[in-house]
Amino acid sequence: MIGDARGEIHVWMNERAPSRPAIILPLDASLEIRLEVASRFVRRLQGGAAGPLPRALQLTAQRRARLILLLHTLDFRLGGAGPRDIAASLIDAEDAALPALEWKSSATRRKANRLIHDSIALMNGGYKRLLRGG
């Protein structure tokens, strides 16, 4: 791992350092992001600043907050919490205490269910979109 003010760069090398190192990148849908990250790595190896992360990998404050909320939701869900428990802890405790009939049609219930659905999707491979800048 190479430290940098704008983000750590993680490197894997086999056991012996080659005299002429190479960067191997798969030619896939993520090639452009991989090239940008490889360029950051080369700049850092040459003693310069790596520069900013590719725009696709930068998280806005709103996106970061949503991902944190999804991780909390997943923790609760995997711990056995239901939508009402998740709503009470993460969204709106007052709405979560509504009588059953009101709860069933509440926006808070729909939001809790969306968070549960999205957090499980993230766990089941959706996180890979983050690595591709999606």
N, C-alpha and C. Protein backbone atom coordinates (compact mmCIF):
# COMPACT_ATOMS: atom_id res chain seq x y z
N MET A 1 0.85 -1.16 0.00
CA MET A 1 0.00 0.00 0.00
C MET A 1 0.91 1.23 0.00
N ILE A 2 0.60 2.15 -0.88
CA ILE A 2 1.36 3.39 -0.96
C ILE A 2 0.46 4.51 -0.48
N GLY A 3 0.88 5.21 0.55
CA GLY A 3 0.07 6.29 1.10
C GLY A 3 0.12 7.53 0.22
N ASP A 4 -1.00 8.22 0.16
CA ASP A 4 -1.09 9.47 -0.59
C ASP A 4 -2.19 10.30 0.05
N ALA A 5 -2.01 11.61 0.05
CA ALA A 5 -2.99 12.50 0.69
C ALA A 5 -4.38 12.36 0.08
N ARG A 6 -4.47 12.00 -1.18
CA ARG A 6 -5.77 11.92 -1.85
C ARG A 6 -6.37 10.52 -1.86
N GLY A 7 -5.68 9.57 -1.29
CA GLY A 7 -6.21 8.20 -1.24
C GLY A 7 -5.09 7.19 -1.38
N GLU A 8 -5.15 6.15 -0.59
CA GLU A 8 -4.13 5.11 -0.63
C GLU A 8 -4.18 4.37 -1.96
N ILE A 9 -3.02 3.91 -2.40
CA ILE A 9 -2.93 3.11 -3.62
C ILE A 9 -2.50 1.72 -3.18
N HIS A 10 -3.31 0.74 -3.52
CA HIS A 10 -3.03 -0.65 -3.13
C HIS A 10 -2.37 -1.36 -4.31
N VAL A 11 -1.27 -2.04 -4.01
CA VAL A 11 -0.48 -2.70 -5.05
C VAL A 11 -0.25 -4.15 -4.64
N TRP A 12 -0.32 -5.04 -5.61
CA TRP A 12 0.03 -6.42 -5.36
C TRP A 12 1.25 -6.73 -6.21
N MET A 13 2.27 -7.31 -5.58
CA MET A 13 3.47 -7.73 -6.32
C MET A 13 3.78 -9.16 -5.94
N ASN A 14 4.29 -9.90 -6.92
CA ASN A 14 4.68 -11.25 -6.56
C ASN A 14 5.94 -11.19 -5.70
N GLU A 15 6.42 -12.33 -5.24
CA GLU A 15 7.45 -12.37 -4.21
C GLU A 15 8.76 -11.69 -4.58
N ARG A 16 9.14 -11.74 -5.80
CA ARG A 16 10.41 -11.09 -6.18
C ARG A 16 10.11 -9.89 -7.07
N ALA A 17 10.73 -8.80 -6.73
CA ALA A 17 10.49 -7.57 -7.50
C ALA A 17 11.22 -7.66 -8.84
N PRO A 18 10.52 -7.50 -9.93
CA PRO A 18 11.16 -7.58 -11.24
C PRO A 18 12.03 -6.35 -11.51
N SER A 19 13.02 -6.52 -12.37
CA SER A 19 13.89 -5.38 -12.69
C SER A 19 13.13 -4.37 -13.55
N ARG A 20 12.16 -4.85 -14.32
CA ARG A 20 11.32 -3.95 -15.13
C ARG A 20 9.86 -4.25 -14.83
N PRO A 21 9.33 -3.59 -13.80
CA PRO A 21 7.95 -3.90 -13.41
C PRO A 21 6.96 -3.51 -14.50
N ALA A 22 5.81 -4.15 -14.46
CA ALA A 22 4.75 -3.89 -15.45
C ALA A 22 3.41 -3.78 -14.73
N ILE A 23 2.52 -3.09 -15.37
CA ILE A 23 1.14 -3.00 -14.88
C ILE A 23 0.29 -3.80 -15.86
N ILE A 24 -0.45 -4.76 -15.34
CA ILE A 24 -1.30 -5.60 -16.18
C ILE A 24 -2.75 -5.22 -15.90
N LEU A 25 -3.45 -4.83 -16.95
CA LEU A 25 -4.85 -4.43 -16.81
C LEU A 25 -5.73 -5.25 -17.74
N PRO A 26 -6.81 -5.79 -17.22
CA PRO A 26 -7.71 -6.52 -18.11
C PRO A 26 -8.46 -5.55 -19.02
N LEU A 27 -8.71 -5.98 -20.22
CA LEU A 27 -9.45 -5.16 -21.18
C LEU A 27 -10.94 -5.44 -21.00
N ASP A 28 -11.52 -4.77 -20.02
CA ASP A 28 -12.93 -4.99 -19.71
C ASP A 28 -13.65 -3.65 -19.62
N ALA A 29 -14.86 -3.69 -19.14
CA ALA A 29 -15.69 -2.48 -19.06
C ALA A 29 -15.11 -1.44 -18.10
N SER A 30 -14.22 -1.83 -17.22
CA SER A 30 -13.62 -0.92 -16.25
C SER A 30 -12.25 -0.40 -16.68
N LEU A 31 -11.89 -0.61 -17.92
CA LEU A 31 -10.55 -0.25 -18.38
C LEU A 31 -10.22 1.22 -18.16
N GLU A 32 -11.13 2.12 -18.47
CA GLU A 32 -10.83 3.55 -18.33
C GLU A 32 -10.51 3.92 -16.89
N ILE A 33 -11.29 3.42 -15.94
CA ILE A 33 -11.02 3.70 -14.53
C ILE A 33 -9.69 3.08 -14.12
N ARG A 34 -9.45 1.85 -14.58
CA ARG A 34 -8.19 1.18 -14.27
C ARG A 34 -6.99 1.98 -14.80
N LEU A 35 -7.12 2.54 -16.00
CA LEU A 35 -6.03 3.34 -16.57
C LEU A 35 -5.78 4.60 -15.73
N GLU A 36 -6.85 5.24 -15.29
CA GLU A 36 -6.69 6.43 -14.45
C GLU A 36 -6.01 6.09 -13.14
N VAL A 37 -6.39 4.98 -12.53
CA VAL A 37 -5.79 4.55 -11.27
C VAL A 37 -4.33 4.16 -11.49
N ALA A 38 -4.04 3.49 -12.60
CA ALA A 38 -2.66 3.12 -12.92
C ALA A 38 -1.81 4.38 -13.12
N SER A 39 -2.37 5.39 -13.75
CA SER A 39 -1.64 6.66 -13.93
C SER A 39 -1.33 7.30 -12.59
N ARG A 40 -2.27 7.27 -11.66
CA ARG A 40 -2.02 7.79 -10.32
C ARG A 40 -0.86 7.04 -9.67
N PHE A 41 -0.85 5.73 -9.85
CA PHE A 41 0.20 4.90 -9.27
C PHE A 41 1.57 5.26 -9.85
N VAL A 42 1.64 5.40 -11.15
CA VAL A 42 2.92 5.73 -11.80
C VAL A 42 3.41 7.10 -11.33
N ARG A 43 2.51 8.09 -11.28
CA ARG A 43 2.91 9.42 -10.79
C ARG A 43 3.47 9.34 -9.38
N ARG A 44 2.85 8.53 -8.54
CA ARG A 44 3.31 8.38 -7.15
C ARG A 44 4.66 7.67 -7.10
N LEU A 45 4.85 6.65 -7.94
CA LEU A 45 6.13 5.95 -7.99
C LEU A 45 7.26 6.85 -8.43
N GLN A 46 6.93 7.81 -9.28
CA GLN A 46 7.94 8.75 -9.78
C GLN A 46 8.20 9.89 -8.81
N GLY A 47 7.59 9.82 -7.64
CA GLY A 47 7.85 10.80 -6.60
C GLY A 47 6.88 11.96 -6.55
N GLY A 48 5.95 12.00 -7.46
CA GLY A 48 4.97 13.10 -7.48
C GLY A 48 3.72 12.74 -6.70
N ALA A 49 2.82 13.70 -6.68
CA ALA A 49 1.52 13.45 -6.06
C ALA A 49 0.69 12.60 -7.01
N ALA A 50 -0.03 11.67 -6.46
CA ALA A 50 -0.85 10.79 -7.30
C ALA A 50 -1.96 11.56 -7.99
N GLY A 51 -2.43 12.61 -7.36
CA GLY A 51 -3.55 13.36 -7.93
C GLY A 51 -4.87 12.81 -7.43
N PRO A 52 -5.95 13.45 -7.83
CA PRO A 52 -7.26 13.05 -7.31
C PRO A 52 -7.69 11.69 -7.84
N LEU A 53 -8.57 11.05 -7.08
CA LEU A 53 -9.18 9.81 -7.56
C LEU A 53 -9.97 10.10 -8.83
N PRO A 54 -10.12 9.12 -9.69
CA PRO A 54 -10.98 9.33 -10.85
C PRO A 54 -12.37 9.76 -10.39
N ARG A 55 -12.98 10.64 -11.13
CA ARG A 55 -14.28 11.19 -10.75
C ARG A 55 -15.30 10.08 -10.45
N ALA A 56 -15.24 9.02 -11.21
CA ALA A 56 -16.20 7.92 -11.02
C ALA A 56 -16.04 7.24 -9.66
N LEU A 57 -14.87 7.36 -9.05
CA LEU A 57 -14.63 6.71 -7.76
C LEU A 57 -14.80 7.66 -6.58
N GLN A 58 -15.04 8.93 -6.84
CA GLN A 58 -15.23 9.89 -5.77
C GLN A 58 -16.68 9.84 -5.29
N LEU A 59 -16.85 9.79 -3.99
CA LEU A 59 -18.19 9.74 -3.42
C LEU A 59 -18.61 11.15 -2.98
N THR A 60 -19.81 11.54 -3.35
CA THR A 60 -20.35 12.79 -2.85
C THR A 60 -20.72 12.58 -1.38
N ALA A 61 -20.90 13.65 -0.65
CA ALA A 61 -21.30 13.54 0.75
C ALA A 61 -22.64 12.81 0.86
N GLN A 62 -23.54 13.09 -0.08
CA GLN A 62 -24.86 12.44 -0.05
C GLN A 62 -24.74 10.93 -0.31
N ARG A 63 -23.91 10.57 -1.28
CA ARG A 63 -23.72 9.14 -1.61
C ARG A 63 -23.06 8.41 -0.45
N ARG A 64 -22.06 9.06 0.17
CA ARG A 64 -21.38 8.46 1.32
C ARG A 64 -22.37 8.23 2.45
N ALA A 65 -23.23 9.23 2.73
CA ALA A 65 -24.22 9.11 3.81
C ALA A 65 -25.20 7.97 3.51
N ARG A 66 -25.61 7.85 2.26
CA ARG A 66 -26.53 6.77 1.87
C ARG A 66 -25.88 5.40 2.07
N LEU A 67 -24.62 5.27 1.66
CA LEU A 67 -23.92 3.99 1.82
C LEU A 67 -23.76 3.63 3.29
N ILE A 68 -23.47 4.62 4.12
CA ILE A 68 -23.36 4.38 5.56
C ILE A 68 -24.70 3.92 6.11
N LEU A 69 -25.77 4.57 5.68
CA LEU A 69 -27.12 4.17 6.12
C LEU A 69 -27.43 2.74 5.67
N LEU A 70 -27.03 2.39 4.46
CA LEU A 70 -27.25 1.02 3.97
C LEU A 70 -26.46 0.00 4.79
N LEU A 71 -25.24 0.35 5.17
CA LEU A 71 -24.43 -0.58 5.99
C LEU A 71 -25.06 -0.77 7.37
N HIS A 72 -25.55 0.33 7.96
CA HIS A 72 -26.24 0.20 9.26
C HIS A 72 -27.50 -0.65 9.11
N THR A 73 -28.24 -0.40 8.04
CA THR A 73 -29.45 -1.18 7.80
C THR A 73 -29.12 -2.66 7.68
N LEU A 74 -28.07 -2.97 6.92
CA LEU A 74 -27.69 -4.37 6.75
C LEU A 74 -27.28 -5.00 8.08
N ASP A 75 -26.54 -4.25 8.90
CA ASP A 75 -26.16 -4.78 10.22
C ASP A 75 -27.40 -5.12 11.04
N PHE A 76 -28.37 -4.20 11.06
CA PHE A 76 -29.60 -4.45 11.81
C PHE A 76 -30.34 -5.66 11.24
N ARG A 77 -30.46 -5.70 9.93
CA ARG A 77 -31.22 -6.78 9.28
C ARG A 77 -30.59 -8.14 9.54
N LEU A 78 -29.27 -8.21 9.37
CA LEU A 78 -28.57 -9.48 9.61
C LEU A 78 -28.63 -9.88 11.08
N GLY A 79 -28.86 -8.89 11.94
CA GLY A 79 -29.03 -9.17 13.36
C GLY A 79 -30.45 -9.55 13.73
N GLY A 80 -31.33 -9.62 12.72
CA GLY A 80 -32.70 -10.07 12.96
C GLY A 80 -33.73 -8.96 13.06
N ALA A 81 -33.33 -7.71 12.86
CA ALA A 81 -34.29 -6.60 12.95
C ALA A 81 -35.24 -6.59 11.77
N GLY A 82 -36.47 -6.19 12.04
CA GLY A 82 -37.47 -6.06 10.99
C GLY A 82 -37.57 -4.60 10.56
N PRO A 83 -38.42 -4.31 9.59
CA PRO A 83 -38.57 -2.94 9.09
C PRO A 83 -38.91 -1.92 10.18
N ARG A 84 -39.77 -2.30 11.12
CA ARG A 84 -40.15 -1.37 12.20
C ARG A 84 -38.95 -1.05 13.08
N ASP A 85 -38.15 -2.07 13.40
CA ASP A 85 -36.95 -1.86 14.23
C ASP A 85 -35.96 -0.95 13.51
N ILE A 86 -35.78 -1.19 12.23
CA ILE A 86 -34.85 -0.39 11.43
C ILE A 86 -35.35 1.04 11.34
N ALA A 87 -36.63 1.21 11.13
CA ALA A 87 -37.21 2.55 11.06
C ALA A 87 -37.02 3.28 12.39
N ALA A 88 -37.25 2.58 13.49
CA ALA A 88 -37.12 3.21 14.81
C ALA A 88 -35.70 3.66 15.09
N SER A 89 -34.73 2.88 14.66
CA SER A 89 -33.33 3.20 14.94
C SER A 89 -32.70 4.15 13.94
N LEU A 90 -33.11 4.06 12.67
CA LEU A 90 -32.38 4.79 11.63
C LEU A 90 -33.17 5.88 10.92
N ILE A 91 -34.50 5.84 11.03
CA ILE A 91 -35.28 6.79 10.22
C ILE A 91 -36.10 7.73 11.10
N ASP A 92 -37.14 7.22 11.72
CA ASP A 92 -38.06 8.06 12.50
C ASP A 92 -38.73 7.20 13.56
N ALA A 93 -38.28 7.31 14.80
CA ALA A 93 -38.80 6.48 15.88
C ALA A 93 -40.28 6.73 16.12
N GLU A 94 -40.70 7.97 15.92
CA GLU A 94 -42.12 8.30 16.14
C GLU A 94 -43.00 7.59 15.12
N ASP A 95 -42.61 7.63 13.85
CA ASP A 95 -43.40 6.94 12.83
C ASP A 95 -43.37 5.43 13.02
N ALA A 96 -42.24 4.91 13.50
CA ALA A 96 -42.12 3.46 13.70
C ALA A 96 -43.07 2.97 14.79
N ALA A 97 -43.53 3.87 15.65
CA ALA A 97 -44.43 3.50 16.74
C ALA A 97 -45.90 3.66 16.36
N LEU A 98 -46.18 3.97 15.11
CA LEU A 98 -47.57 4.13 14.66
C LEU A 98 -48.35 2.82 14.83
N PRO A 99 -49.66 2.92 15.03
CA PRO A 99 -50.48 1.70 15.06
C PRO A 99 -50.34 0.94 13.73
N ALA A 100 -50.60 -0.34 13.78
CA ALA A 100 -50.37 -1.23 12.63
C ALA A 100 -51.01 -0.72 11.34
N LEU A 101 -52.24 -0.25 11.41
CA LEU A 101 -52.95 0.19 10.21
C LEU A 101 -52.27 1.41 9.59
N GLU A 102 -51.85 2.36 10.41
CA GLU A 102 -51.14 3.56 9.90
C GLU A 102 -49.73 3.20 9.43
N TRP A 103 -49.08 2.31 10.17
CA TRP A 103 -47.72 1.89 9.82
C TRP A 103 -47.69 1.27 8.43
N LYS A 104 -48.70 0.46 8.15
CA LYS A 104 -48.75 -0.28 6.88
C LYS A 104 -48.71 0.66 5.67
N SER A 105 -49.27 1.86 5.78
CA SER A 105 -49.30 2.78 4.65
C SER A 105 -48.34 3.96 4.81
N SER A 106 -47.43 3.88 5.76
CA SER A 106 -46.55 5.02 6.04
C SER A 106 -45.35 5.07 5.09
N ALA A 107 -44.91 6.28 4.84
CA ALA A 107 -43.71 6.51 4.02
C ALA A 107 -42.47 5.96 4.73
N THR A 108 -42.47 6.01 6.05
CA THR A 108 -41.33 5.49 6.81
C THR A 108 -41.19 3.98 6.62
N ARG A 109 -42.31 3.27 6.58
CA ARG A 109 -42.26 1.82 6.33
C ARG A 109 -41.71 1.54 4.94
N ARG A 110 -42.18 2.31 3.95
CA ARG A 110 -41.67 2.11 2.58
C ARG A 110 -40.17 2.41 2.50
N LYS A 111 -39.74 3.46 3.21
CA LYS A 111 -38.32 3.80 3.20
C LYS A 111 -37.50 2.69 3.87
N ALA A 112 -37.99 2.16 5.00
CA ALA A 112 -37.28 1.07 5.68
C ALA A 112 -37.17 -0.15 4.77
N ASN A 113 -38.25 -0.48 4.09
CA ASN A 113 -38.22 -1.63 3.18
C ASN A 113 -37.27 -1.40 2.00
N ARG A 114 -37.23 -0.17 1.49
CA ARG A 114 -36.28 0.15 0.41
C ARG A 114 -34.84 0.01 0.90
N LEU A 115 -34.58 0.51 2.11
CA LEU A 115 -33.24 0.39 2.68
C LEU A 115 -32.84 -1.08 2.85
N ILE A 116 -33.77 -1.89 3.31
CA ILE A 116 -33.49 -3.32 3.48
C ILE A 116 -33.19 -3.94 2.11
N HIS A 117 -34.04 -3.67 1.15
CA HIS A 117 -33.85 -4.23 -0.19
C HIS A 117 -32.51 -3.79 -0.78
N ASP A 118 -32.21 -2.49 -0.71
CA ASP A 118 -30.97 -1.97 -1.29
C ASP A 118 -29.73 -2.46 -0.56
N SER A 119 -29.82 -2.61 0.77
CA SER A 119 -28.65 -3.07 1.52
C SER A 119 -28.35 -4.53 1.22
N ILE A 120 -29.38 -5.33 1.05
CA ILE A 120 -29.17 -6.74 0.70
C ILE A 120 -28.63 -6.86 -0.71
N ALA A 121 -29.12 -6.03 -1.62
CA ALA A 121 -28.60 -6.04 -2.98
C ALA A 121 -27.12 -5.63 -3.00
N LEU A 122 -26.76 -4.66 -2.17
CA LEU A 122 -25.36 -4.23 -2.07
C LEU A 122 -24.49 -5.39 -1.57
N MET A 123 -24.98 -6.10 -0.57
CA MET A 123 -24.25 -7.24 -0.02
C MET A 123 -24.09 -8.35 -1.06
N ASN A 124 -25.12 -8.57 -1.86
CA ASN A 124 -25.12 -9.67 -2.83
C ASN A 124 -24.50 -9.29 -4.17
N GLY A 125 -23.51 -8.45 -4.16
CA GLY A 125 -22.78 -8.14 -5.38
C GLY A 125 -22.93 -6.73 -5.88
N GLY A 126 -23.90 -5.99 -5.35
CA GLY A 126 -24.09 -4.61 -5.80
C GLY A 126 -22.90 -3.72 -5.48
N TYR A 127 -22.12 -4.09 -4.47
CA TYR A 127 -20.93 -3.32 -4.12
C TYR A 127 -19.95 -3.23 -5.27
N LYS A 128 -20.01 -4.21 -6.18
CA LYS A 128 -19.07 -4.21 -7.32
C LYS A 128 -19.29 -3.00 -8.22
N ARG A 129 -20.55 -2.49 -8.26
CA ARG A 129 -20.82 -1.26 -9.03
C ARG A 129 -20.00 -0.10 -8.48
N LEU A 130 -19.79 -0.06 -7.17
CA LEU A 130 -19.00 1.02 -6.58
C LEU A 130 -17.57 0.99 -7.11
N LEU A 131 -17.05 -0.21 -7.30
CA LEU A 131 -15.69 -0.36 -7.79
C LEU A 131 -15.56 0.02 -9.26
N ARG A 132 -16.67 0.00 -9.95
CA ARG A 132 -16.68 0.39 -11.38
C ARG A 132 -17.11 1.85 -11.55
N GLY A 133 -17.35 2.51 -10.42
CA GLY A 133 -17.75 3.90 -10.48
C GLY A 133 -19.23 4.09 -10.71
N GLY A 134 -20.05 3.07 -10.41
CA GLY A 134 -21.49 3.16 -10.64
C GLY A 134 -22.29 3.40 -9.41
